[in-house]
Structure formats: C-alpha cells, structure tokens
Amino acid sequence: MIIHTVMFSLKHPAGSAEEKSFMLTAKALAMLPMVQGLQVLRQVSEKCEYDFALSMQFADQSAYDAYHVHPGHVTFVEKAWKSQVEKFQEADFALYQ
C-alpha cells in the first residue's frame, strides 16, 4: 500500500467561493478507480505553514503510477492545481515492514 499526501496552500482567501470550488474539484479525485480513502483536510495546527492536505491510498506501485497518468488526475493538475495552489509539499509512504 502507498499513502500519498500533499500539503498545500491556495491563492484564494480563506472561506472564499474559489476555495470551496477547488475543494469540490479535489474531492472528485475519489472517483478515479485506483484512488482509495481520499481525504480532503484542513490544517488546525499553527506549527505547519500549509493550510490544507489531500491524503489518499493506492493498493500498490502500479495503481500509484496509473494515478499520475490518469486523464482525471492530469486534468485536475493542469486546470486547477497549477493555477490555484500557492505552495505545496508532497510526501508518499509505503507501509514499513
């Protein structure tokens, strides 16, 4: 299993219609067949410089690789992510065995 996480901040004001629209678009990633357990999260700690996070799981490396080239993911990145995200940090983890 691979856990994919991305912490990020948006260019939009907090609580704005643009923020809400972006989050709805991000939630739609759950419809991709290889995505499991998508969570769209809001930061509550002052210790972190990012405002939000996405977290999702993939059954294995091939599912994770397929996600990155899936047209739904590519469209999200090109039409929403690149134009609306101010900064981000990505981390991907496999279960330690």
PDB file of N, CA and C in Angstrom:
ATOM      1  N   MET A   1       0.836  -1.182   0.000  1.00  0.00           N
ATOM      2  CA  MET A   1       0.000   0.000   0.000  1.00  0.00           C
ATOM      3  C   MET A   1       0.879   1.244   0.000  1.00  0.00           C
ATOM      4  N   ILE A   2       0.452   2.252  -0.745  1.00  0.00           N
ATOM      5  CA  ILE A   2       1.136   3.541  -0.776  1.00  0.00           C
ATOM      6  C   ILE A   2       0.163   4.607  -0.301  1.00  0.00           C
ATOM      7  N   ILE A   3       0.624   5.449   0.600  1.00  0.00           N
ATOM      8  CA  ILE A   3      -0.163   6.580   1.079  1.00  0.00           C
ATOM      9  C   ILE A   3       0.444   7.841   0.480  1.00  0.00           C
ATOM     10  N   HIS A   4      -0.361   8.533  -0.294  1.00  0.00           N
ATOM     11  CA  HIS A   4       0.050   9.751  -0.999  1.00  0.00           C
ATOM     12  C   HIS A   4      -0.539  10.938  -0.250  1.00  0.00           C
ATOM     13  N   THR A   5       0.309  11.863   0.166  1.00  0.00           N
ATOM     14  CA  THR A   5      -0.150  13.056   0.870  1.00  0.00           C
ATOM     15  C   THR A   5       0.447  14.296   0.218  1.00  0.00           C
ATOM     16  N   VAL A   6      -0.365  15.335   0.161  1.00  0.00           N
ATOM     17  CA  VAL A   6       0.088  16.619  -0.360  1.00  0.00           C
ATOM     18  C   VAL A   6      -0.461  17.710   0.550  1.00  0.00           C
ATOM     19  N   MET A   7       0.440  18.436   1.197  1.00  0.00           N
ATOM     20  CA  MET A   7       0.044  19.602   1.976  1.00  0.00           C
ATOM     21  C   MET A   7       0.157  20.810   1.062  1.00  0.00           C
ATOM     22  N   PHE A   8      -0.788  21.762   1.181  1.00  0.00           N
ATOM     23  CA  PHE A   8      -0.773  22.897   0.260  1.00  0.00           C
ATOM     24  C   PHE A   8      -1.514  24.101   0.821  1.00  0.00           C
ATOM     25  N   SER A   9      -1.257  25.235   0.210  1.00  0.00           N
ATOM     26  CA  SER A   9      -1.997  26.467   0.469  1.00  0.00           C
ATOM     27  C   SER A   9      -2.479  26.995  -0.875  1.00  0.00           C
ATOM     28  N   LEU A  10      -3.665  27.572  -0.845  1.00  0.00           N
ATOM     29  CA  LEU A  10      -4.260  28.128  -2.054  1.00  0.00           C
ATOM     30  C   LEU A  10      -3.989  29.615  -2.180  1.00  0.00           C
ATOM     31  N   LYS A  11      -4.134  30.123  -3.390  1.00  0.00           N
ATOM     32  CA  LYS A  11      -4.001  31.550  -3.652  1.00  0.00           C
ATOM     33  C   LYS A  11      -5.259  32.307  -3.228  1.00  0.00           C
ATOM     34  N   HIS A  12      -6.341  31.596  -2.952  1.00  0.00           N
ATOM     35  CA  HIS A  12      -7.638  32.208  -2.654  1.00  0.00           C
ATOM     36  C   HIS A  12      -7.776  32.570  -1.174  1.00  0.00           C
ATOM     37  N   PRO A  13      -8.590  33.579  -0.859  1.00  0.00           N
ATOM     38  CA  PRO A  13      -8.869  33.905   0.541  1.00  0.00           C
ATOM     39  C   PRO A  13      -9.592  32.742   1.241  1.00  0.00           C
ATOM     40  N   ALA A  14      -9.328  32.593   2.520  1.00  0.00           N
ATOM     41  CA  ALA A  14      -9.976  31.540   3.315  1.00  0.00           C
ATOM     42  C   ALA A  14     -11.488  31.708   3.271  1.00  0.00           C
ATOM     43  N   GLY A  15     -12.177  30.606   3.040  1.00  0.00           N
ATOM     44  CA  GLY A  15     -13.628  30.611   3.025  1.00  0.00           C
ATOM     45  C   GLY A  15     -14.263  31.145   1.755  1.00  0.00           C
ATOM     46  N   SER A  16     -13.465  31.489   0.768  1.00  0.00           N
ATOM     47  CA  SER A  16     -13.986  32.071  -0.468  1.00  0.00           C
ATOM     48  C   SER A  16     -14.687  31.014  -1.327  1.00  0.00           C
ATOM     49  N   ALA A  17     -15.486  31.501  -2.259  1.00  0.00           N
ATOM     50  CA  ALA A  17     -16.148  30.608  -3.214  1.00  0.00           C
ATOM     51  C   ALA A  17     -15.127  29.848  -4.050  1.00  0.00           C
ATOM     52  N   GLU A  18     -14.009  30.500  -4.376  1.00  0.00           N
ATOM     53  CA  GLU A  18     -12.952  29.846  -5.149  1.00  0.00           C
ATOM     54  C   GLU A  18     -12.319  28.700  -4.361  1.00  0.00           C
ATOM     55  N   GLU A  19     -12.114  28.911  -3.066  1.00  0.00           N
ATOM     56  CA  GLU A  19     -11.576  27.845  -2.218  1.00  0.00           C
ATOM     57  C   GLU A  19     -12.533  26.654  -2.209  1.00  0.00           C
ATOM     58  N   LYS A  20     -13.803  26.920  -2.002  1.00  0.00           N
ATOM     59  CA  LYS A  20     -14.796  25.839  -1.940  1.00  0.00           C
ATOM     60  C   LYS A  20     -14.874  25.096  -3.268  1.00  0.00           C
ATOM     61  N   SER A  21     -14.808  25.825  -4.366  1.00  0.00           N
ATOM     62  CA  SER A  21     -14.842  25.197  -5.683  1.00  0.00           C
ATOM     63  C   SER A  21     -13.629  24.291  -5.893  1.00  0.00           C
ATOM     64  N   PHE A  22     -12.451  24.760  -5.490  1.00  0.00           N
ATOM     65  CA  PHE A  22     -11.241  23.946  -5.610  1.00  0.00           C
ATOM     66  C   PHE A  22     -11.388  22.649  -4.812  1.00  0.00           C
ATOM     67  N   MET A  23     -11.891  22.759  -3.596  1.00  0.00           N
ATOM     68  CA  MET A  23     -12.027  21.571  -2.748  1.00  0.00           C
ATOM     69  C   MET A  23     -13.017  20.570  -3.337  1.00  0.00           C
ATOM     70  N   LEU A  24     -14.092  21.049  -3.933  1.00  0.00           N
ATOM     71  CA  LEU A  24     -15.037  20.143  -4.597  1.00  0.00           C
ATOM     72  C   LEU A  24     -14.360  19.430  -5.762  1.00  0.00           C
ATOM     73  N   THR A  25     -13.554  20.152  -6.501  1.00  0.00           N
ATOM     74  CA  THR A  25     -12.817  19.551  -7.615  1.00  0.00           C
ATOM     75  C   THR A  25     -11.833  18.505  -7.092  1.00  0.00           C
ATOM     76  N   ALA A  26     -11.148  18.814  -5.995  1.00  0.00           N
ATOM     77  CA  ALA A  26     -10.205  17.858  -5.408  1.00  0.00           C
ATOM     78  C   ALA A  26     -10.930  16.607  -4.926  1.00  0.00           C
ATOM     79  N   LYS A  27     -12.098  16.765  -4.320  1.00  0.00           N
ATOM     80  CA  LYS A  27     -12.864  15.612  -3.829  1.00  0.00           C
ATOM     81  C   LYS A  27     -13.260  14.673  -4.955  1.00  0.00           C
ATOM     82  N   ALA A  28     -13.396  15.203  -6.164  1.00  0.00           N
ATOM     83  CA  ALA A  28     -13.764  14.376  -7.309  1.00  0.00           C
ATOM     84  C   ALA A  28     -12.677  13.360  -7.671  1.00  0.00           C
ATOM     85  N   LEU A  29     -11.454  13.561  -7.192  1.00  0.00           N
ATOM     86  CA  LEU A  29     -10.392  12.578  -7.425  1.00  0.00           C
ATOM     87  C   LEU A  29     -10.747  11.216  -6.835  1.00  0.00           C
ATOM     88  N   ALA A  30     -11.642  11.189  -5.859  1.00  0.00           N
ATOM     89  CA  ALA A  30     -12.075   9.928  -5.254  1.00  0.00           C
ATOM     90  C   ALA A  30     -12.769   9.025  -6.267  1.00  0.00           C
ATOM     91  N   MET A  31     -13.242   9.593  -7.363  1.00  0.00           N
ATOM     92  CA  MET A  31     -13.946   8.811  -8.380  1.00  0.00           C
ATOM     93  C   MET A  31     -12.985   8.034  -9.283  1.00  0.00           C
ATOM     94  N   LEU A  32     -11.702   8.374  -9.240  1.00  0.00           N
ATOM     95  CA  LEU A  32     -10.742   7.632 -10.057  1.00  0.00           C
ATOM     96  C   LEU A  32     -10.630   6.208  -9.516  1.00  0.00           C
ATOM     97  N   PRO A  33     -10.594   5.216 -10.383  1.00  0.00           N
ATOM     98  CA  PRO A  33     -10.711   3.825  -9.929  1.00  0.00           C
ATOM     99  C   PRO A  33      -9.598   3.337  -9.007  1.00  0.00           C
ATOM    100  N   MET A  34      -8.424   3.922  -9.094  1.00  0.00           N
ATOM    101  CA  MET A  34      -7.310   3.431  -8.284  1.00  0.00           C
ATOM    102  C   MET A  34      -7.179   4.146  -6.940  1.00  0.00           C
ATOM    103  N   VAL A  35      -7.941   5.226  -6.745  1.00  0.00           N
ATOM    104  CA  VAL A  35      -7.847   6.018  -5.511  1.00  0.00           C
ATOM    105  C   VAL A  35      -8.696   5.380  -4.422  1.00  0.00           C
ATOM    106  N   GLN A  36      -8.090   5.197  -3.259  1.00  0.00           N
ATOM    107  CA  GLN A  36      -8.798   4.662  -2.092  1.00  0.00           C
ATOM    108  C   GLN A  36      -8.695   5.656  -0.942  1.00  0.00           C
ATOM    109  N   GLY A  37      -9.763   5.813  -0.209  1.00  0.00           N
ATOM    110  CA  GLY A  37      -9.741   6.570   1.042  1.00  0.00           C
ATOM    111  C   GLY A  37      -9.321   8.025   0.918  1.00  0.00           C
ATOM    112  N   LEU A  38      -9.750   8.714  -0.127  1.00  0.00           N
ATOM    113  CA  LEU A  38      -9.385  10.124  -0.280  1.00  0.00           C
ATOM    114  C   LEU A  38      -9.920  10.941   0.887  1.00  0.00           C
ATOM    115  N   GLN A  39      -9.060  11.781   1.438  1.00  0.00           N
ATOM    116  CA  GLN A  39      -9.452  12.737   2.468  1.00  0.00           C
ATOM    117  C   GLN A  39      -8.975  14.115   2.052  1.00  0.00           C
ATOM    118  N   VAL A  40      -9.852  15.102   2.177  1.00  0.00           N
ATOM    119  CA  VAL A  40      -9.506  16.495   1.955  1.00  0.00           C
ATOM    120  C   VAL A  40      -9.505  17.135   3.341  1.00  0.00           C
ATOM    121  N   LEU A  41      -8.351  17.633   3.757  1.00  0.00           N
ATOM    122  CA  LEU A  41      -8.143  18.028   5.153  1.00  0.00           C
ATOM    123  C   LEU A  41      -7.798  19.511   5.284  1.00  0.00           C
ATOM    124  N   ARG A  42      -8.204  20.094   6.393  1.00  0.00           N
ATOM    125  CA  ARG A  42      -7.887  21.481   6.724  1.00  0.00           C
ATOM    126  C   ARG A  42      -6.912  21.482   7.898  1.00  0.00           C
ATOM    127  N   GLN A  43      -5.880  22.283   7.813  1.00  0.00           N
ATOM    128  CA  GLN A  43      -4.862  22.389   8.858  1.00  0.00           C
ATOM    129  C   GLN A  43      -5.439  23.055  10.109  1.00  0.00           C
ATOM    130  N   VAL A  44      -5.119  22.509  11.277  1.00  0.00           N
ATOM    131  CA  VAL A  44      -5.571  23.098  12.538  1.00  0.00           C
ATOM    132  C   VAL A  44      -4.408  23.477  13.453  1.00  0.00           C
ATOM    133  N   SER A  45      -3.197  23.176  13.036  1.00  0.00           N
ATOM    134  CA  SER A  45      -2.020  23.473  13.856  1.00  0.00           C
ATOM    135  C   SER A  45      -1.318  24.727  13.346  1.00  0.00           C
ATOM    136  N   GLU A  46      -0.869  25.547  14.257  1.00  0.00           N
ATOM    137  CA  GLU A  46      -0.089  26.725  13.886  1.00  0.00           C
ATOM    138  C   GLU A  46       1.362  26.364  13.561  1.00  0.00           C
ATOM    139  N   LYS A  47       1.750  25.122  13.787  1.00  0.00           N
ATOM    140  CA  LYS A  47       3.120  24.676  13.550  1.00  0.00           C
ATOM    141  C   LYS A  47       3.412  24.406  12.076  1.00  0.00           C
ATOM    142  N   CYS A  48       2.384  24.333  11.259  1.00  0.00           N
ATOM    143  CA  CYS A  48       2.551  23.984   9.852  1.00  0.00           C
ATOM    144  C   CYS A  48       2.221  25.185   8.977  1.00  0.00           C
ATOM    145  N   GLU A  49       3.018  25.404   7.958  1.00  0.00           N
ATOM    146  CA  GLU A  49       2.824  26.564   7.091  1.00  0.00           C
ATOM    147  C   GLU A  49       1.777  26.346   6.003  1.00  0.00           C
ATOM    148  N   TYR A  50       1.272  25.135   5.856  1.00  0.00           N
ATOM    149  CA  TYR A  50       0.282  24.829   4.824  1.00  0.00           C
ATOM    150  C   TYR A  50      -1.122  24.834   5.420  1.00  0.00           C
ATOM    151  N   ASP A  51      -2.112  25.177   4.602  1.00  0.00           N
ATOM    152  CA  ASP A  51      -3.490  25.303   5.074  1.00  0.00           C
ATOM    153  C   ASP A  51      -4.326  24.041   4.907  1.00  0.00           C
ATOM    154  N   PHE A  52      -3.975  23.197   3.949  1.00  0.00           N
ATOM    155  CA  PHE A  52      -4.792  22.031   3.616  1.00  0.00           C
ATOM    156  C   PHE A  52      -3.903  20.832   3.289  1.00  0.00           C
ATOM    157  N   ALA A  53      -4.552  19.674   3.171  1.00  0.00           N
ATOM    158  CA  ALA A  53      -3.852  18.473   2.709  1.00  0.00           C
ATOM    159  C   ALA A  53      -4.830  17.567   1.982  1.00  0.00           C
ATOM    160  N   LEU A  54      -4.304  16.829   1.049  1.00  0.00           N
ATOM    161  CA  LEU A  54      -5.008  15.713   0.434  1.00  0.00           C
ATOM    162  C   LEU A  54      -4.270  14.453   0.860  1.00  0.00           C
ATOM    163  N   SER A  55      -5.016  13.426   1.177  1.00  0.00           N
ATOM    164  CA  SER A  55      -4.425  12.144   1.530  1.00  0.00           C
ATOM    165  C   SER A  55      -5.233  11.060   0.832  1.00  0.00           C
ATOM    166  N   MET A  56      -4.548  10.119   0.231  1.00  0.00           N
ATOM    167  CA  MET A  56      -5.221   9.009  -0.442  1.00  0.00           C
ATOM    168  C   MET A  56      -4.308   7.791  -0.418  1.00  0.00           C
ATOM    169  N   GLN A  57      -4.892   6.660  -0.697  1.00  0.00           N
ATOM    170  CA  GLN A  57      -4.139   5.415  -0.669  1.00  0.00           C
ATOM    171  C   GLN A  57      -4.243   4.712  -2.018  1.00  0.00           C
ATOM    172  N   PHE A  58      -3.198   3.945  -2.316  1.00  0.00           N
ATOM    173  CA  PHE A  58      -3.161   3.126  -3.524  1.00  0.00           C
ATOM    174  C   PHE A  58      -2.764   1.712  -3.119  1.00  0.00           C
ATOM    175  N   ALA A  59      -3.364   0.741  -3.753  1.00  0.00           N
ATOM    176  CA  ALA A  59      -3.119  -0.657  -3.396  1.00  0.00           C
ATOM    177  C   ALA A  59      -1.663  -1.056  -3.568  1.00  0.00           C
ATOM    178  N   ASP A  60      -1.011  -0.520  -4.607  1.00  0.00           N
ATOM    179  CA  ASP A  60       0.368  -0.906  -4.900  1.00  0.00           C
ATOM    180  C   ASP A  60       1.016   0.129  -5.816  1.00  0.00           C
ATOM    181  N   GLN A  61       2.252  -0.120  -6.190  1.00  0.00           N
ATOM    182  CA  GLN A  61       3.001   0.823  -7.030  1.00  0.00           C
ATOM    183  C   GLN A  61       2.346   1.020  -8.394  1.00  0.00           C
ATOM    184  N   SER A  62       1.798  -0.036  -8.965  1.00  0.00           N
ATOM    185  CA  SER A  62       1.184   0.108 -10.287  1.00  0.00           C
ATOM    186  C   SER A  62      -0.065   0.980 -10.227  1.00  0.00           C
ATOM    187  N   ALA A  63      -0.843   0.894  -9.169  1.00  0.00           N
ATOM    188  CA  ALA A  63      -2.017   1.767  -9.004  1.00  0.00           C
ATOM    189  C   ALA A  63      -1.575   3.213  -8.820  1.00  0.00           C
ATOM    190  N   TYR A  64      -0.514   3.421  -8.049  1.00  0.00           N
ATOM    191  CA  TYR A  64       0.043   4.762  -7.836  1.00  0.00           C
ATOM    192  C   TYR A  64       0.555   5.349  -9.151  1.00  0.00           C
ATOM    193  N   ASP A  65       1.267   4.549  -9.924  1.00  0.00           N
ATOM    194  CA  ASP A  65       1.784   5.007 -11.220  1.00  0.00           C
ATOM    195  C   ASP A  65       0.639   5.327 -12.181  1.00  0.00           C
ATOM    196  N   ALA A  66      -0.401   4.511 -12.182  1.00  0.00           N
ATOM    197  CA  ALA A  66      -1.550   4.731 -13.059  1.00  0.00           C
ATOM    198  C   ALA A  66      -2.275   6.027 -12.707  1.00  0.00           C
ATOM    199  N   TYR A  67      -2.308   6.371 -11.437  1.00  0.00           N
ATOM    200  CA  TYR A  67      -2.943   7.616 -10.985  1.00  0.00           C
ATOM    201  C   TYR A  67      -2.279   8.833 -11.622  1.00  0.00           C
ATOM    202  N   HIS A  68      -0.975   8.841 -11.649  1.00  0.00           N
ATOM    203  CA  HIS A  68      -0.244  10.004 -12.147  1.00  0.00           C
ATOM    204  C   HIS A  68      -0.478  10.282 -13.633  1.00  0.00           C
ATOM    205  N   VAL A  69      -0.820   9.273 -14.389  1.00  0.00           N
ATOM    206  CA  VAL A  69      -1.063   9.474 -15.822  1.00  0.00           C
ATOM    207  C   VAL A  69      -2.546   9.411 -16.184  1.00  0.00           C
ATOM    208  N   HIS A  70      -3.403   9.155 -15.223  1.00  0.00           N
ATOM    209  CA  HIS A  70      -4.842   9.076 -15.494  1.00  0.00           C
ATOM    210  C   HIS A  70      -5.343  10.443 -15.964  1.00  0.00           C
ATOM    211  N   PRO A  71      -6.163  10.480 -17.014  1.00  0.00           N
ATOM    212  CA  PRO A  71      -6.660  11.762 -17.526  1.00  0.00           C
ATOM    213  C   PRO A  71      -7.367  12.622 -16.474  1.00  0.00           C
ATOM    214  N   GLY A  72      -8.049  12.005 -15.527  1.00  0.00           N
ATOM    215  CA  GLY A  72      -8.715  12.770 -14.470  1.00  0.00           C
ATOM    216  C   GLY A  72      -7.731  13.487 -13.576  1.00  0.00           C
ATOM    217  N   HIS A  73      -6.624  12.835 -13.253  1.00  0.00           N
ATOM    218  CA  HIS A  73      -5.591  13.468 -12.435  1.00  0.00           C
ATOM    219  C   HIS A  73      -4.856  14.536 -13.235  1.00  0.00           C
ATOM    220  N   VAL A  74      -4.499  14.218 -14.462  1.00  0.00           N
ATOM    221  CA  VAL A  74      -3.778  15.174 -15.313  1.00  0.00           C
ATOM    222  C   VAL A  74      -4.610  16.441 -15.504  1.00  0.00           C
ATOM    223  N   THR A  75      -5.892  16.296 -15.750  1.00  0.00           N
ATOM    224  CA  THR A  75      -6.779  17.451 -15.925  1.00  0.00           C
ATOM    225  C   THR A  75      -6.859  18.272 -14.644  1.00  0.00           C
ATOM    226  N   PHE A  76      -6.977  17.607 -13.493  1.00  0.00           N
ATOM    227  CA  PHE A  76      -7.006  18.316 -12.203  1.00  0.00           C
ATOM    228  C   PHE A  76      -5.740  19.151 -12.022  1.00  0.00           C
ATOM    229  N   VAL A  77      -4.597  18.566 -12.288  1.00  0.00           N
ATOM    230  CA  VAL A  77      -3.327  19.278 -12.127  1.00  0.00           C
ATOM    231  C   VAL A  77      -3.247  20.464 -13.083  1.00  0.00           C
ATOM    232  N   GLU A  78      -3.581  20.250 -14.336  1.00  0.00           N
ATOM    233  CA  GLU A  78      -3.447  21.299 -15.345  1.00  0.00           C
ATOM    234  C   GLU A  78      -4.460  22.427 -15.183  1.00  0.00           C
ATOM    235  N   LYS A  79      -5.704  22.090 -14.846  1.00  0.00           N
ATOM    236  CA  LYS A  79      -6.764  23.101 -14.826  1.00  0.00           C
ATOM    237  C   LYS A  79      -7.027  23.705 -13.452  1.00  0.00           C
ATOM    238  N   ALA A  80      -6.663  23.018 -12.390  1.00  0.00           N
ATOM    239  CA  ALA A  80      -6.953  23.537 -11.044  1.00  0.00           C
ATOM    240  C   ALA A  80      -5.676  23.749 -10.240  1.00  0.00           C
ATOM    241  N   TRP A  81      -4.891  22.694 -10.098  1.00  0.00           N
ATOM    242  CA  TRP A  81      -3.726  22.733  -9.210  1.00  0.00           C
ATOM    243  C   TRP A  81      -2.729  23.821  -9.606  1.00  0.00           C
ATOM    244  N   LYS A  82      -2.271  23.806 -10.826  1.00  0.00           N
ATOM    245  CA  LYS A  82      -1.207  24.726 -11.250  1.00  0.00           C
ATOM    246  C   LYS A  82      -1.613  26.194 -11.143  1.00  0.00           C
ATOM    247  N   SER A  83      -2.864  26.496 -11.336  1.00  0.00           N
ATOM    248  CA  SER A  83      -3.303  27.890 -11.322  1.00  0.00           C
ATOM    249  C   SER A  83      -3.785  28.379  -9.957  1.00  0.00           C
ATOM    250  N   GLN A  84      -4.106  27.455  -9.037  1.00  0.00           N
ATOM    251  CA  GLN A  84      -4.724  27.870  -7.784  1.00  0.00           C
ATOM    252  C   GLN A  84      -3.903  27.578  -6.527  1.00  0.00           C
ATOM    253  N   VAL A  85      -2.913  26.718  -6.639  1.00  0.00           N
ATOM    254  CA  VAL A  85      -2.098  26.364  -5.471  1.00  0.00           C
ATOM    255  C   VAL A  85      -0.895  27.301  -5.386  1.00  0.00           C
ATOM    256  N   GLU A  86      -0.732  27.888  -4.223  1.00  0.00           N
ATOM    257  CA  GLU A  86       0.366  28.834  -3.995  1.00  0.00           C
ATOM    258  C   GLU A  86       1.676  28.110  -3.675  1.00  0.00           C
ATOM    259  N   LYS A  87       1.585  27.097  -2.810  1.00  0.00           N
ATOM    260  CA  LYS A  87       2.768  26.319  -2.420  1.00  0.00           C
ATOM    261  C   LYS A  87       2.307  24.951  -1.961  1.00  0.00           C
ATOM    262  N   PHE A  88       3.220  23.964  -2.040  1.00  0.00           N
ATOM    263  CA  PHE A  88       2.847  22.615  -1.608  1.00  0.00           C
ATOM    264  C   PHE A  88       4.079  21.798  -1.253  1.00  0.00           C
ATOM    265  N   GLN A  89       3.821  20.739  -0.526  1.00  0.00           N
ATOM    266  CA  GLN A  89       4.833  19.742  -0.183  1.00  0.00           C
ATOM    267  C   GLN A  89       4.187  18.373  -0.330  1.00  0.00           C
ATOM    268  N   GLU A  90       4.795  17.519  -1.115  1.00  0.00           N
ATOM    269  CA  GLU A  90       4.255  16.190  -1.380  1.00  0.00           C
ATOM    270  C   GLU A  90       5.089  15.143  -0.652  1.00  0.00           C
ATOM    271  N   ALA A  91       4.417  14.118  -0.130  1.00  0.00           N
ATOM    272  CA  ALA A  91       5.120  13.004   0.521  1.00  0.00           C
ATOM    273  C   ALA A  91       4.359  11.730   0.239  1.00  0.00           C
ATOM    274  N   ASP A  92       5.080  10.683  -0.075  1.00  0.00           N
ATOM    275  CA  ASP A  92       4.470   9.395  -0.381  1.00  0.00           C
ATOM    276  C   ASP A  92       5.153   8.322   0.467  1.00  0.00           C
ATOM    277  N   PHE A  93       4.321   7.488   1.072  1.00  0.00           N
ATOM    278  CA  PHE A  93       4.836   6.500   2.012  1.00  0.00           C
ATOM    279  C   PHE A  93       4.301   5.120   1.710  1.00  0.00           C
ATOM    280  N   ALA A  94       5.141   4.116   1.902  1.00  0.00           N
ATOM    281  CA  ALA A  94       4.718   2.718   1.890  1.00  0.00           C
ATOM    282  C   ALA A  94       4.769   2.236   3.327  1.00  0.00           C
ATOM    283  N   LEU A  95       3.971   1.228   3.634  1.00  0.00           N
ATOM    284  CA  LEU A  95       3.965   0.693   4.987  1.00  0.00           C
ATOM    285  C   LEU A  95       5.338   0.091   5.315  1.00  0.00           C
ATOM    286  N   TYR A  96       5.837   0.393   6.470  1.00  0.00           N
ATOM    287  CA  TYR A  96       7.126  -0.141   6.920  1.00  0.00           C
ATOM    288  C   TYR A  96       6.920  -1.583   7.338  1.00  0.00           C
ATOM    289  N   GLN A  97       7.796  -2.460   6.846  1.00  0.00           N
ATOM    290  CA  GLN A  97       7.655  -3.883   7.181  1.00  0.00           C
ATOM    291  C   GLN A  97       8.916  -4.440   7.733  1.00  0.00           C
TER     292      GLN A  97
END
